[in-house]
Amino acid sequence: MTEFAELLALAVVGRIFIFLWMEFPLPYWIDRVKFIHNLHLCDLCSGFYAYSLLCFIYNVDVLRMLGFHGISSVGFMISGGVISFVVHLISVGFYSKFMSVVIE
């Protein structure tokens, strides 16, 4: 149960980081780099890097939780991708359920 609570806390903290990353504008000299500009616009893409970094820092490996043992750096990247995708699906579902679009 502790692993699930830690994973949930990691997902919430990461989503807050992604929100702040996407909300504030980048300085012009950073925004000129096309990769960083596109990363700033995509929450799924930003989430992969943010969650991979958080998984590395806090030593969270989803594959190890499921019983697979392998290369830890690849496990952190896979964990970041999985968590990012799940959080992205949850946020898209929340937006489609509770947000209204007005076409004028």
Protein backbone atom coordinates (compact mmCIF):
# COMPACT_ATOMS: atom_id res chain seq x y z
CA MET A 1 0.00 0.00 0.00
CA THR A 2 2.89 2.34 0.69
CA GLU A 3 4.15 1.95 -2.89
CA PHE A 4 0.75 2.99 -4.26
CA ALA A 5 0.61 6.04 -1.98
CA GLU A 6 4.13 7.04 -3.03
CA LEU A 7 3.24 6.57 -6.69
CA LEU A 8 0.09 8.66 -6.26
CA ALA A 9 2.04 11.42 -4.51
CA LEU A 10 4.65 11.33 -7.28
CA ALA A 11 1.90 11.66 -9.90
CA VAL A 12 0.34 14.66 -8.13
CA VAL A 13 3.67 16.44 -7.61
CA GLY A 14 4.65 15.79 -11.22
CA ARG A 15 1.34 17.11 -12.52
CA ILE A 16 1.84 20.31 -10.53
CA PHE A 17 5.33 20.70 -12.04
CA ILE A 18 3.95 20.12 -15.55
CA PHE A 19 1.16 22.64 -14.98
CA LEU A 20 3.63 25.27 -13.79
CA TRP A 21 6.03 24.48 -16.65
CA MET A 22 3.26 24.98 -19.22
CA GLU A 23 1.66 27.99 -17.51
CA PHE A 24 4.64 30.34 -17.32
CA PRO A 25 6.27 31.67 -20.49
CA LEU A 26 9.80 30.70 -21.39
CA PRO A 27 12.54 33.28 -21.92
CA TYR A 28 13.03 34.08 -25.59
CA TRP A 29 16.51 32.55 -25.80
CA ILE A 30 15.16 29.20 -24.53
CA ASP A 31 11.91 29.36 -26.48
CA ARG A 32 13.83 29.70 -29.77
CA VAL A 33 14.97 26.08 -29.47
CA LYS A 34 12.30 24.15 -31.37
CA PHE A 35 12.51 21.03 -29.17
CA ILE A 36 11.99 22.98 -25.96
CA HIS A 37 9.24 25.09 -27.55
CA ASN A 38 7.33 21.96 -28.60
CA LEU A 39 7.98 20.36 -25.21
CA HIS A 40 6.52 23.43 -23.54
CA LEU A 41 3.27 23.04 -25.51
CA CYS A 42 2.68 19.30 -24.94
CA ASP A 43 1.73 18.01 -21.48
CA LEU A 44 2.30 14.36 -22.45
CA CYS A 45 5.79 15.12 -23.76
CA SER A 46 6.68 17.30 -20.78
CA GLY A 47 5.30 14.62 -18.50
CA PHE A 48 7.63 11.98 -19.89
CA TYR A 49 10.71 14.01 -18.98
CA ALA A 50 9.32 15.33 -15.70
CA TYR A 51 8.18 11.93 -14.45
CA SER A 52 11.35 10.19 -15.64
CA LEU A 53 13.39 12.71 -13.68
CA LEU A 54 11.17 12.36 -10.60
CA CYS A 55 11.35 8.56 -10.83
CA PHE A 56 15.13 8.79 -10.99
CA ILE A 57 15.34 11.20 -8.04
CA TYR A 58 12.95 9.24 -5.81
CA ASN A 59 14.04 5.80 -7.08
CA VAL A 60 10.57 4.76 -8.25
CA ASP A 61 10.49 1.94 -10.79
CA VAL A 62 7.10 0.67 -11.96
CA LEU A 63 8.67 -2.40 -13.55
CA ARG A 64 10.33 -3.36 -10.27
CA MET A 65 6.97 -2.92 -8.52
CA LEU A 66 5.47 -5.40 -10.99
CA GLY A 67 8.25 -7.92 -10.36
CA PHE A 68 10.51 -7.27 -13.34
CA HIS A 69 14.17 -6.58 -12.67
CA GLY A 70 16.39 -5.02 -15.28
CA ILE A 71 18.40 -1.97 -16.10
CA SER A 72 17.34 0.75 -13.69
CA SER A 73 17.82 3.75 -16.01
CA VAL A 74 15.57 2.15 -18.63
CA GLY A 75 13.10 1.30 -15.87
CA PHE A 76 12.99 4.95 -14.79
CA MET A 77 12.29 6.05 -18.36
CA ILE A 78 9.58 3.42 -18.80
CA SER A 79 8.10 4.43 -15.46
CA GLY A 80 8.10 8.08 -16.52
CA GLY A 81 6.35 7.21 -19.77
CA VAL A 82 3.73 5.03 -18.11
CA ILE A 83 2.94 7.52 -15.36
CA SER A 84 2.85 10.38 -17.86
CA PHE A 85 0.43 8.49 -20.11
CA VAL A 86 -1.89 7.53 -17.25
CA VAL A 87 -1.95 11.07 -15.83
CA HIS A 88 -2.52 12.42 -19.35
CA LEU A 89 -5.51 10.10 -19.84
CA ILE A 90 -6.95 11.11 -16.47
CA SER A 91 -6.57 14.83 -17.24
CA VAL A 92 -8.05 14.47 -20.74
CA GLY A 93 -10.99 12.57 -19.28
CA PHE A 94 -11.48 15.24 -16.63
CA TYR A 95 -11.38 18.03 -19.21
CA SER A 96 -13.82 16.28 -21.55
CA LYS A 97 -16.23 15.56 -18.69
CA PHE A 98 -16.23 18.90 -16.88
CA MET A 99 -15.12 21.53 -19.40
CA SER A 100 -17.55 23.18 -21.79
CA VAL A 101 -16.68 24.54 -25.21
CA VAL A 102 -18.58 27.57 -26.46
CA ILE A 103 -18.50 28.17 -30.21
CA GLU A 104 -19.58 31.66 -31.19
